[in-house]
C-alpha atoms as a PDB file:
ATOM      1  CA  MET A   1     156.706 198.730  16.529  1.00  0.00           C
ATOM      2  CA  PRO A   2     157.388 201.345  19.248  1.00  0.00           C
ATOM      3  CA  SER A   3     155.061 204.398  19.170  1.00  0.00           C
ATOM      4  CA  THR A   4     156.263 207.943  18.350  1.00  0.00           C
ATOM      5  CA  ARG A   5     155.920 208.831  21.952  1.00  0.00           C
ATOM      6  CA  THR A   6     157.933 205.800  23.068  1.00  0.00           C
ATOM      7  CA  CYS A   7     160.715 206.768  20.647  1.00  0.00           C
ATOM      8  CA  ALA A   8     160.674 210.304  21.913  1.00  0.00           C
ATOM      9  CA  VAL A   9     160.968 209.174  25.480  1.00  0.00           C
ATOM     10  CA  LEU A  10     163.894 206.927  24.616  1.00  0.00           C
ATOM     11  CA  ALA A  11     165.615 209.666  22.779  1.00  0.00           C
ATOM     12  CA  VAL A  12     165.259 212.044  25.790  1.00  0.00           C
ATOM     13  CA  LEU A  13     166.686 209.363  28.024  1.00  0.00           C
ATOM     14  CA  ALA A  14     169.623 208.809  25.760  1.00  0.00           C
ATOM     15  CA  GLY A  15     170.291 212.462  25.533  1.00  0.00           C
ATOM     16  CA  LEU A  16     170.178 212.910  29.283  1.00  0.00           C
ATOM     17  CA  LEU A  17     172.454 210.088  29.991  1.00  0.00           C
ATOM     18  CA  LEU A  18     175.132 211.457  27.576  1.00  0.00           C
ATOM     19  CA  ALA A  19     174.809 214.963  28.883  1.00  0.00           C
ATOM     20  CA  GLY A  20     174.397 215.326  32.549  1.00  0.00           C
ATOM     21  CA  ALA A  21     174.169 219.126  32.278  1.00  0.00           C
ATOM     22  CA  GLY A  22     170.985 218.608  30.197  1.00  0.00           C
ATOM     23  CA  VAL A  23     169.170 217.190  33.311  1.00  0.00           C
ATOM     24  CA  THR A  24     169.692 220.434  35.304  1.00  0.00           C
ATOM     25  CA  ALA A  25     168.499 222.405  32.275  1.00  0.00           C
ATOM     26  CA  GLN A  26     165.382 220.383  31.950  1.00  0.00           C
ATOM     27  CA  GLN A  27     164.322 221.106  35.501  1.00  0.00           C
ATOM     28  CA  GLU A  28     164.005 224.788  34.948  1.00  0.00           C
ATOM     29  CA  PRO A  29     160.565 226.057  33.966  1.00  0.00           C
ATOM     30  CA  LEU A  30     160.216 227.437  30.454  1.00  0.00           C
ATOM     31  CA  PHE A  31     157.966 230.371  31.596  1.00  0.00           C
ATOM     32  CA  ARG A  32     156.604 231.909  34.673  1.00  0.00           C
ATOM     33  CA  SER A  33     153.220 230.462  35.346  1.00  0.00           C
ATOM     34  CA  GLY A  34     150.377 232.684  36.535  1.00  0.00           C
ATOM     35  CA  THR A  35     151.879 235.923  35.152  1.00  0.00           C
ATOM     36  CA  GLN A  36     152.840 236.028  31.380  1.00  0.00           C
ATOM     37  CA  LEU A  37     150.992 232.708  30.657  1.00  0.00           C
ATOM     38  CA  VAL A  38     148.523 230.283  32.118  1.00  0.00           C
ATOM     39  CA  ASP A  39     150.164 226.822  31.637  1.00  0.00           C
ATOM     40  CA  LEU A  40     148.081 223.707  31.223  1.00  0.00           C
ATOM     41  CA  PHE A  41     149.239 220.116  31.172  1.00  0.00           C
ATOM     42  CA  VAL A  42     146.751 218.247  29.128  1.00  0.00           C
ATOM     43  CA  THR A  43     146.057 214.454  28.870  1.00  0.00           C
ATOM     44  CA  VAL A  44     144.326 213.251  25.815  1.00  0.00           C
ATOM     45  CA  THR A  45     142.624 209.871  25.388  1.00  0.00           C
ATOM     46  CA  ASP A  46     140.567 208.201  22.734  1.00  0.00           C
ATOM     47  CA  ARG A  47     137.138 206.618  23.310  1.00  0.00           C
ATOM     48  CA  ASN A  48     138.790 203.480  24.615  1.00  0.00           C
ATOM     49  CA  GLY A  49     140.850 205.279  27.156  1.00  0.00           C
ATOM     50  CA  ARG A  50     144.115 205.017  25.277  1.00  0.00           C
ATOM     51  CA  LEU A  51     146.606 207.846  25.385  1.00  0.00           C
ATOM     52  CA  VAL A  52     146.872 210.005  22.211  1.00  0.00           C
ATOM     53  CA  PRO A  53     150.414 211.379  21.950  1.00  0.00           C
ATOM     54  CA  ASP A  54     150.773 212.919  18.573  1.00  0.00           C
ATOM     55  CA  LEU A  55     148.297 215.777  18.184  1.00  0.00           C
ATOM     56  CA  LEU A  56     149.267 219.194  16.875  1.00  0.00           C
ATOM     57  CA  GLN A  57     148.489 222.655  18.205  1.00  0.00           C
ATOM     58  CA  GLU A  58     145.706 223.140  15.765  1.00  0.00           C
ATOM     59  CA  ASP A  59     143.838 220.105  17.172  1.00  0.00           C
ATOM     60  CA  PHE A  60     143.356 221.990  20.406  1.00  0.00           C
ATOM     61  CA  GLU A  61     140.930 224.713  21.559  1.00  0.00           C
ATOM     62  CA  VAL A  62     141.044 226.538  24.907  1.00  0.00           C
ATOM     63  CA  PHE A  63     138.218 228.453  26.442  1.00  0.00           C
ATOM     64  CA  ASP A  64     138.495 231.005  29.238  1.00  0.00           C
ATOM     65  CA  ASP A  65     135.080 231.560  30.912  1.00  0.00           C
ATOM     66  CA  GLY A  66     133.562 230.297  27.731  1.00  0.00           C
ATOM     67  CA  GLU A  67     135.470 232.625  25.363  1.00  0.00           C
ATOM     68  CA  GLN A  68     138.090 231.031  23.120  1.00  0.00           C
ATOM     69  CA  ALA A  69     141.697 232.023  23.997  1.00  0.00           C
ATOM     70  CA  GLU A  70     144.574 232.110  21.736  1.00  0.00           C
ATOM     71  CA  ILE A  71     147.103 229.360  22.232  1.00  0.00           C
ATOM     72  CA  VAL A  72     150.525 231.030  22.367  1.00  0.00           C
ATOM     73  CA  LEU A  73     152.643 228.061  23.729  1.00  0.00           C
ATOM     74  CA  PHE A  74     152.382 224.406  22.567  1.00  0.00           C
ATOM     75  CA  GLU A  75     154.859 221.677  23.482  1.00  0.00           C
ATOM     76  CA  ASN A  76     154.678 217.854  23.132  1.00  0.00           C
ATOM     77  CA  ASP A  77     157.953 217.047  24.774  1.00  0.00           C
ATOM     78  CA  VAL A  78     158.535 214.927  27.913  1.00  0.00           C
ATOM     79  CA  ARG A  79     158.604 217.316  30.810  1.00  0.00           C
ATOM     80  CA  PRO A  80     160.212 216.703  34.377  1.00  0.00           C
ATOM     81  CA  ILE A  81     157.884 216.189  37.276  1.00  0.00           C
ATOM     82  CA  THR A  82     158.306 216.611  41.120  1.00  0.00           C
ATOM     83  CA  VAL A  83     155.896 214.269  42.871  1.00  0.00           C
ATOM     84  CA  VAL A  84     154.858 213.253  46.404  1.00  0.00           C
ATOM     85  CA  VAL A  85     153.436 209.654  46.546  1.00  0.00           C
ATOM     86  CA  MET A  86     151.060 209.425  49.530  1.00  0.00           C
ATOM     87  CA  LEU A  87     149.919 206.035  50.502  1.00  0.00           C
ATOM     88  CA  ASP A  88     147.142 204.960  52.919  1.00  0.00           C
ATOM     89  CA  THR A  89     148.600 202.687  55.604  1.00  0.00           C
ATOM     90  CA  SER A  90     145.727 202.693  57.977  1.00  0.00           C
ATOM     91  CA  ALA A  91     144.494 199.546  59.725  1.00  0.00           C
ATOM     92  CA  SER A  92     142.115 198.609  56.866  1.00  0.00           C
ATOM     93  CA  MET A  93     145.048 198.338  54.404  1.00  0.00           C
ATOM     94  CA  ASP A  94     147.101 195.886  56.574  1.00  0.00           C
ATOM     95  CA  LEU A  95     146.116 192.740  54.582  1.00  0.00           C
ATOM     96  CA  ASN A  96     146.886 194.557  51.297  1.00  0.00           C
ATOM     97  CA  ARG A  97     150.145 196.256  52.493  1.00  0.00           C
ATOM     98  CA  ARG A  98     152.523 194.266  50.290  1.00  0.00           C
ATOM     99  CA  ARG A  99     150.244 194.659  47.145  1.00  0.00           C
ATOM    100  CA  LEU A 100     150.187 198.482  47.764  1.00  0.00           C
ATOM    101  CA  MET A 101     153.937 198.701  48.125  1.00  0.00           C
ATOM    102  CA  ALA A 102     154.425 196.633  45.042  1.00  0.00           C
ATOM    103  CA  GLY A 103     152.094 198.897  43.106  1.00  0.00           C
ATOM    104  CA  ALA A 104     153.800 202.117  44.244  1.00  0.00           C
ATOM    105  CA  GLU A 105     157.150 200.554  43.247  1.00  0.00           C
ATOM    106  CA  GLN A 106     155.751 200.281  39.700  1.00  0.00           C
ATOM    107  CA  PHE A 107     155.383 204.023  39.645  1.00  0.00           C
ATOM    108  CA  LEU A 108     158.705 204.792  41.092  1.00  0.00           C
ATOM    109  CA  ILE A 109     160.711 202.638  38.695  1.00  0.00           C
ATOM    110  CA  ARG A 110     159.123 204.473  35.752  1.00  0.00           C
ATOM    111  CA  MET A 111     160.539 207.728  36.908  1.00  0.00           C
ATOM    112  CA  LEU A 112     162.800 209.479  34.298  1.00  0.00           C
ATOM    113  CA  PRO A 113     166.295 210.632  35.162  1.00  0.00           C
ATOM    114  CA  PHE A 114     165.119 214.333  35.593  1.00  0.00           C
ATOM    115  CA  ASP A 115     162.117 213.510  37.769  1.00  0.00           C
ATOM    116  CA  ARG A 116     162.237 213.995  41.554  1.00  0.00           C
ATOM    117  CA  ALA A 117     160.072 212.273  44.307  1.00  0.00           C
ATOM    118  CA  ARG A 118     159.353 211.726  47.934  1.00  0.00           C
ATOM    119  CA  VAL A 119     157.222 208.910  49.329  1.00  0.00           C
ATOM    120  CA  GLY A 120     154.833 209.264  52.254  1.00  0.00           C
ATOM    121  CA  ALA A 121     152.225 207.435  54.333  1.00  0.00           C
ATOM    122  CA  PHE A 122     149.230 208.416  56.333  1.00  0.00           C
ATOM    123  CA  ASN A 123     147.161 206.833  59.170  1.00  0.00           C
ATOM    124  CA  ASP A 124     146.727 208.506  62.485  1.00  0.00           C
ATOM    125  CA  LYS A 125     149.856 210.417  61.482  1.00  0.00           C
ATOM    126  CA  VAL A 126     151.472 211.592  58.302  1.00  0.00           C
ATOM    127  CA  GLU A 127     155.044 211.111  57.205  1.00  0.00           C
ATOM    128  CA  ILE A 128     157.119 211.877  54.067  1.00  0.00           C
ATOM    129  CA  GLU A 129     160.576 210.445  53.370  1.00  0.00           C
ATOM    130  CA  PRO A 130     163.323 211.249  52.624  1.00  0.00           C
ATOM    131  CA  ALA A 131     163.919 214.752  53.776  1.00  0.00           C
ATOM    132  CA  GLU A 132     164.496 216.074  50.278  1.00  0.00           C
ATOM    133  CA  PHE A 133     163.145 215.390  46.821  1.00  0.00           C
ATOM    134  CA  ILE A 134     165.485 212.990  45.029  1.00  0.00           C
ATOM    135  CA  GLY A 135     165.710 211.154  41.760  1.00  0.00           C
ATOM    136  CA  ASP A 136     167.289 207.877  42.938  1.00  0.00           C
ATOM    137  CA  ARG A 137     164.613 205.306  42.309  1.00  0.00           C
ATOM    138  CA  ASP A 138     166.293 202.525  44.274  1.00  0.00           C
ATOM    139  CA  GLU A 139     166.468 204.762  47.315  1.00  0.00           C
ATOM    140  CA  LEU A 140     162.838 205.789  47.029  1.00  0.00           C
ATOM    141  CA  ILE A 141     161.774 202.275  46.704  1.00  0.00           C
ATOM    142  CA  SER A 142     163.876 201.321  49.736  1.00  0.00           C
ATOM    143  CA  TRP A 143     161.770 203.620  51.850  1.00  0.00           C
ATOM    144  CA  LEU A 144     158.478 201.891  51.038  1.00  0.00           C
ATOM    145  CA  PRO A 145     158.687 198.994  53.527  1.00  0.00           C
ATOM    146  CA  ARG A 146     159.779 201.388  56.288  1.00  0.00           C
ATOM    147  CA  LEU A 147     156.623 203.564  56.086  1.00  0.00           C
ATOM    148  CA  ASP A 148     154.678 203.217  59.325  1.00  0.00           C
ATOM    149  CA  PHE A 149     151.170 201.762  59.731  1.00  0.00           C
ATOM    150  CA  GLY A 150     148.482 203.027  62.152  1.00  0.00           C
ATOM    151  CA  ASN A 151     144.771 203.247  62.647  1.00  0.00           C
ATOM    152  CA  SER A 152     143.003 206.362  61.400  1.00  0.00           C
ATOM    153  CA  THR A 153     142.772 207.736  57.722  1.00  0.00           C
ATOM    154  CA  ARG A 154     143.929 211.208  57.601  1.00  0.00           C
ATOM    155  CA  VAL A 155     143.357 211.685  53.847  1.00  0.00           C
ATOM    156  CA  TYR A 156     143.050 215.514  53.824  1.00  0.00           C
ATOM    157  CA  ASP A 157     146.011 216.089  56.230  1.00  0.00           C
ATOM    158  CA  ALA A 158     148.132 213.811  53.895  1.00  0.00           C
ATOM    159  CA  ALA A 159     147.118 215.848  50.843  1.00  0.00           C
ATOM    160  CA  ALA A 160     147.754 219.159  52.649  1.00  0.00           C
ATOM    161  CA  THR A 161     151.275 217.896  53.941  1.00  0.00           C
ATOM    162  CA  ALA A 162     152.154 216.936  50.413  1.00  0.00           C
ATOM    163  CA  LEU A 163     151.163 220.248  48.994  1.00  0.00           C
ATOM    164  CA  GLU A 164     153.144 222.057  51.679  1.00  0.00           C
ATOM    165  CA  ALA A 165     156.159 219.843  50.790  1.00  0.00           C
ATOM    166  CA  LEU A 166     155.878 220.949  47.113  1.00  0.00           C
ATOM    167  CA  SER A 167     155.260 224.671  47.923  1.00  0.00           C
ATOM    168  CA  ASP A 168     158.853 225.878  47.243  1.00  0.00           C
ATOM    169  CA  VAL A 169     159.598 223.492  44.372  1.00  0.00           C
ATOM    170  CA  PRO A 170     159.871 225.017  40.977  1.00  0.00           C
ATOM    171  CA  GLY A 171     158.398 223.486  37.877  1.00  0.00           C
ATOM    172  CA  ARG A 172     155.657 220.926  37.484  1.00  0.00           C
ATOM    173  CA  ARG A 173     154.315 219.464  40.723  1.00  0.00           C
ATOM    174  CA  VAL A 174     152.152 216.435  41.347  1.00  0.00           C
ATOM    175  CA  VAL A 175     150.543 214.602  44.299  1.00  0.00           C
ATOM    176  CA  LEU A 176     149.717 210.925  43.907  1.00  0.00           C
ATOM    177  CA  LEU A 177     147.256 209.953  46.531  1.00  0.00           C
ATOM    178  CA  PHE A 178     146.118 206.446  47.329  1.00  0.00           C
ATOM    179  CA  THR A 179     143.420 205.479  49.896  1.00  0.00           C
ATOM    180  CA  ASP A 180     140.809 202.804  50.600  1.00  0.00           C
ATOM    181  CA  GLY A 181     138.447 204.856  52.817  1.00  0.00           C
ATOM    182  CA  ASP A 182     136.885 208.091  53.922  1.00  0.00           C
ATOM    183  CA  ASP A 183     138.787 210.672  55.839  1.00  0.00           C
ATOM    184  CA  THR A 184     138.322 210.031  59.563  1.00  0.00           C
ATOM    185  CA  ASP A 185     140.562 212.329  61.552  1.00  0.00           C
ATOM    186  CA  SER A 186     142.075 215.198  59.508  1.00  0.00           C
ATOM    187  CA  ASN A 187     142.438 218.824  60.787  1.00  0.00           C
ATOM    188  CA  ALA A 188     142.514 220.047  57.069  1.00  0.00           C
ATOM    189  CA  GLY A 189     139.260 220.008  55.165  1.00  0.00           C
ATOM    190  CA  SER A 190     138.690 218.916  51.586  1.00  0.00           C
ATOM    191  CA  ARG A 191     137.994 222.544  50.453  1.00  0.00           C
ATOM    192  CA  ASP A 192     141.344 223.548  52.095  1.00  0.00           C
ATOM    193  CA  VAL A 193     143.124 220.866  50.069  1.00  0.00           C
ATOM    194  CA  LEU A 194     141.457 221.771  46.820  1.00  0.00           C
ATOM    195  CA  ASN A 195     141.826 225.585  47.169  1.00  0.00           C
ATOM    196  CA  ARG A 196     145.515 225.231  47.743  1.00  0.00           C
ATOM    197  CA  ALA A 197     146.011 222.811  44.913  1.00  0.00           C
ATOM    198  CA  ILE A 198     144.246 225.164  42.548  1.00  0.00           C
ATOM    199  CA  THR A 199     146.193 228.293  43.837  1.00  0.00           C
ATOM    200  CA  ASP A 200     149.570 226.513  43.767  1.00  0.00           C
ATOM    201  CA  GLU A 201     148.720 224.858  40.396  1.00  0.00           C
ATOM    202  CA  VAL A 202     149.523 221.291  41.645  1.00  0.00           C
ATOM    203  CA  MET A 203     148.079 218.323  39.882  1.00  0.00           C
ATOM    204  CA  ILE A 204     146.439 215.594  42.069  1.00  0.00           C
ATOM    205  CA  TYR A 205     146.195 212.058  40.790  1.00  0.00           C
ATOM    206  CA  SER A 206     143.943 209.871  43.033  1.00  0.00           C
ATOM    207  CA  ILE A 207     143.546 206.120  43.341  1.00  0.00           C
ATOM    208  CA  GLY A 208     140.587 204.918  45.339  1.00  0.00           C
ATOM    209  CA  PHE A 209     140.639 201.299  46.516  1.00  0.00           C
ATOM    210  CA  GLU A 210     137.907 199.044  47.897  1.00  0.00           C
ATOM    211  CA  SER A 211     139.125 196.692  50.680  1.00  0.00           C
ATOM    212  CA  ASN A 212     137.688 194.262  53.131  1.00  0.00           C
ATOM    213  CA  TYR A 213     138.906 193.933  56.700  1.00  0.00           C
ATOM    214  CA  PHE A 214     137.840 192.793  60.159  1.00  0.00           C
ATOM    215  CA  ASN A 215     137.400 195.739  62.440  1.00  0.00           C
ATOM    216  CA  GLY A 216     137.221 193.652  65.628  1.00  0.00           C
ATOM    217  CA  ALA A 217     133.468 193.027  65.506  1.00  0.00           C
ATOM    218  CA  ARG A 218     132.669 192.288  61.870  1.00  0.00           C
ATOM    219  CA  TYR A 219     134.022 192.385  58.293  1.00  0.00           C
ATOM    220  CA  VAL A 220     133.799 195.840  56.723  1.00  0.00           C
ATOM    221  CA  THR A 221     133.999 196.779  53.105  1.00  0.00           C
ATOM    222  CA  THR A 222     135.635 200.190  52.596  1.00  0.00           C
ATOM    223  CA  ARG A 223     134.727 202.892  50.096  1.00  0.00           C
ATOM    224  CA  PRO A 224     137.262 205.363  48.877  1.00  0.00           C
ATOM    225  CA  ASP A 225     136.722 209.039  49.872  1.00  0.00           C
ATOM    226  CA  ARG A 226     134.239 210.762  47.579  1.00  0.00           C
ATOM    227  CA  ASN A 227     136.559 213.858  47.248  1.00  0.00           C
ATOM    228  CA  LEU A 228     139.257 211.977  45.496  1.00  0.00           C
ATOM    229  CA  ARG A 229     137.579 212.270  42.119  1.00  0.00           C
ATOM    230  CA  ARG A 230     136.898 216.009  42.698  1.00  0.00           C
ATOM    231  CA  PHE A 231     140.507 216.587  43.576  1.00  0.00           C
ATOM    232  CA  ALA A 232     141.637 214.934  40.287  1.00  0.00           C
ATOM    233  CA  GLU A 233     139.072 216.514  38.040  1.00  0.00           C
ATOM    234  CA  GLU A 234     139.590 220.103  39.218  1.00  0.00           C
ATOM    235  CA  THR A 235     143.381 220.001  39.076  1.00  0.00           C
ATOM    236  CA  GLY A 236     143.771 218.047  35.806  1.00  0.00           C
ATOM    237  CA  GLY A 237     144.919 214.786  37.329  1.00  0.00           C
ATOM    238  CA  GLY A 238     143.322 211.381  36.826  1.00  0.00           C
ATOM    239  CA  TYR A 239     141.057 209.336  39.062  1.00  0.00           C
ATOM    240  CA  PHE A 240     141.043 205.554  39.284  1.00  0.00           C
ATOM    241  CA  GLU A 241     138.769 203.351  41.428  1.00  0.00           C
ATOM    242  CA  LEU A 242     139.728 199.735  41.933  1.00  0.00           C
ATOM    243  CA  THR A 243     138.297 196.761  43.646  1.00  0.00           C
ATOM    244  CA  GLU A 244     140.296 194.555  46.016  1.00  0.00           C
ATOM    245  CA  ALA A 245     140.533 191.941  43.371  1.00  0.00           C
ATOM    246  CA  ALA A 246     142.340 194.335  41.069  1.00  0.00           C
ATOM    247  CA  ASP A 247     146.041 194.283  40.328  1.00  0.00           C
ATOM    248  CA  LEU A 248     147.411 197.687  41.648  1.00  0.00           C
ATOM    249  CA  GLY A 249     150.536 197.654  39.461  1.00  0.00           C
ATOM    250  CA  PRO A 250     148.907 198.535  36.145  1.00  0.00           C
ATOM    251  CA  THR A 251     147.146 201.671  37.613  1.00  0.00           C
ATOM    252  CA  PHE A 252     150.397 202.980  39.108  1.00  0.00           C
ATOM    253  CA  THR A 253     152.030 202.334  35.819  1.00  0.00           C
ATOM    254  CA  ARG A 254     149.251 204.231  33.945  1.00  0.00           C
ATOM    255  CA  VAL A 255     149.737 207.245  36.181  1.00  0.00           C
ATOM    256  CA  ALA A 256     153.497 207.358  35.294  1.00  0.00           C
ATOM    257  CA  GLN A 257     152.659 206.866  31.592  1.00  0.00           C
ATOM    258  CA  GLU A 258     150.105 209.801  31.663  1.00  0.00           C
ATOM    259  CA  LEU A 259     152.537 212.195  33.433  1.00  0.00           C
ATOM    260  CA  HIS A 260     155.146 211.532  30.721  1.00  0.00           C
ATOM    261  CA  SER A 261     152.665 211.830  27.853  1.00  0.00           C
ATOM    262  CA  GLN A 262     150.919 215.240  28.393  1.00  0.00           C
ATOM    263  CA  TYR A 263     150.837 218.252  26.167  1.00  0.00           C
ATOM    264  CA  VAL A 264     151.821 221.763  27.503  1.00  0.00           C
ATOM    265  CA  ILE A 265     149.557 224.468  26.392  1.00  0.00           C
ATOM    266  CA  GLY A 266     149.844 228.144  27.281  1.00  0.00           C
ATOM    267  CA  PHE A 267     147.545 231.143  26.882  1.00  0.00           C
ATOM    268  CA  THR A 268     147.632 234.691  28.052  1.00  0.00           C
ATOM    269  CA  PRO A 269     145.537 235.259  31.188  1.00  0.00           C
ATOM    270  CA  ARG A 270     143.026 237.974  31.828  1.00  0.00           C
ATOM    271  CA  ARG A 271     144.148 240.678  34.342  1.00  0.00           C
ATOM    272  CA  ASP A 272     141.132 240.915  36.619  1.00  0.00           C
ATOM    273  CA  GLY A 273     142.247 239.059  39.755  1.00  0.00           C
ATOM    274  CA  ARG A 274     139.320 236.658  39.436  1.00  0.00           C
ATOM    275  CA  LEU A 275     139.027 232.854  39.330  1.00  0.00           C
ATOM    276  CA  HIS A 276     138.394 231.714  35.759  1.00  0.00           C
ATOM    277  CA  GLU A 277     137.030 228.547  34.435  1.00  0.00           C
ATOM    278  CA  ILE A 278     139.083 226.691  31.731  1.00  0.00           C
ATOM    279  CA  GLU A 279     137.967 224.141  29.170  1.00  0.00           C
ATOM    280  CA  VAL A 280     140.203 222.314  26.736  1.00  0.00           C
ATOM    281  CA  ARG A 281     138.481 220.797  23.689  1.00  0.00           C
ATOM    282  CA  ILE A 282     139.908 218.454  20.959  1.00  0.00           C
ATOM    283  CA  LYS A 283     138.539 219.160  17.498  1.00  0.00           C
ATOM    284  CA  GLN A 284     138.714 215.475  16.458  1.00  0.00           C
ATOM    285  CA  ARG A 285     135.787 213.421  17.356  1.00  0.00           C
ATOM    286  CA  GLY A 286     136.116 210.567  19.852  1.00  0.00           C
ATOM    287  CA  MET A 287     138.898 212.216  21.788  1.00  0.00           C
ATOM    288  CA  GLN A 288     138.775 213.755  25.321  1.00  0.00           C
ATOM    289  CA  ALA A 289     141.167 216.331  26.955  1.00  0.00           C
ATOM    290  CA  ARG A 290     141.701 216.547  30.589  1.00  0.00           C
ATOM    291  CA  ALA A 291     143.320 219.519  32.227  1.00  0.00           C
ATOM    292  CA  ARG A 292     142.845 221.735  35.241  1.00  0.00           C
ATOM    293  CA  ARG A 293     139.436 223.513  35.225  1.00  0.00           C
ATOM    294  CA  SER A 294     140.412 226.912  36.688  1.00  0.00           C
ATOM    295  CA  TYR A 295     143.052 229.530  37.129  1.00  0.00           C
ATOM    296  CA  ALA A 296     143.488 232.506  39.433  1.00  0.00           C
ATOM    297  CA  ALA A 297     143.889 235.560  37.151  1.00  0.00           C
ATOM    298  CA  PRO A 298     146.708 238.101  37.989  1.00  0.00           C
ATOM    299  CA  THR A 299     145.865 241.826  38.381  1.00  0.00           C
ATOM    300  CA  ALA A 300     147.492 244.869  36.675  1.00  0.00           C
ATOM    301  CA  THR A 301     149.485 245.373  39.806  1.00  0.00           C
ATOM    302  CA  ASN A 302     151.092 241.863  40.107  1.00  0.00           C
ATOM    303  CA  ASP A 303     152.053 241.152  36.554  1.00  0.00           C
ATOM    304  CA  GLY A 304     155.829 241.001  37.427  1.00  0.00           C
ATOM    305  CA  PRO A 305     158.704 242.119  35.260  1.00  0.00           C
END
């Protein structure tokens, strides 16, 4: 029998297909983040890693620098996302190119009608296609085989480029970053990426992949960049680490499922202009909440209207 969340998603899809104007309305944020409210997108899993979609507001607790904050907004609806899918196409991924593109396709085909995306690749250079964010899944998938391959692995430059692409986009923003190795040639640093993601309130999902390739002298086993986990944990995204034997499709599918199964929680920020730590807890045992770990508090002079 379909879950409550699945039924909710189907109901949303049906409503959007019947009323095109509803799609535009869904894309508008319900509140201004960072001033009136701090907004958190929260993923909840049970002890087996399964998504928990049907909790109530009273099941959650939010702590701001260790002090419990009052939850003033709670939603359990499917919310639109704008996402940049950034794929490692360096030389070490050459033998796994088709598998990678097939996995990314699994994410793109699960976009909902009000979602928007661009796809990108990074090696010794960074590219993102098409020129604008679109919701046409077929067109997005058609760009995958056209993404260029190269030598180096510019992980941080790729993440920085994705964040820049999202900078003027309203609403909920996500970077999905896939790589099989350490950063080798970026101008941006890991701290630059993390600081901007926190400041801009962008969620980063990271997939680390172990691959084996011949570098011209010997066979090498890659290890995914150690900062991938940190990016995900600090911004409220998810981190997945896969061996070369793993099927990539289910992980890309899982990311899409999580992004469409998150709770929205809002609380009133402090007004001291400082960086505050956030913790979200679930009262029920055996459940874990994942959300961004900090927010930049406004000051009394920049509260806005």
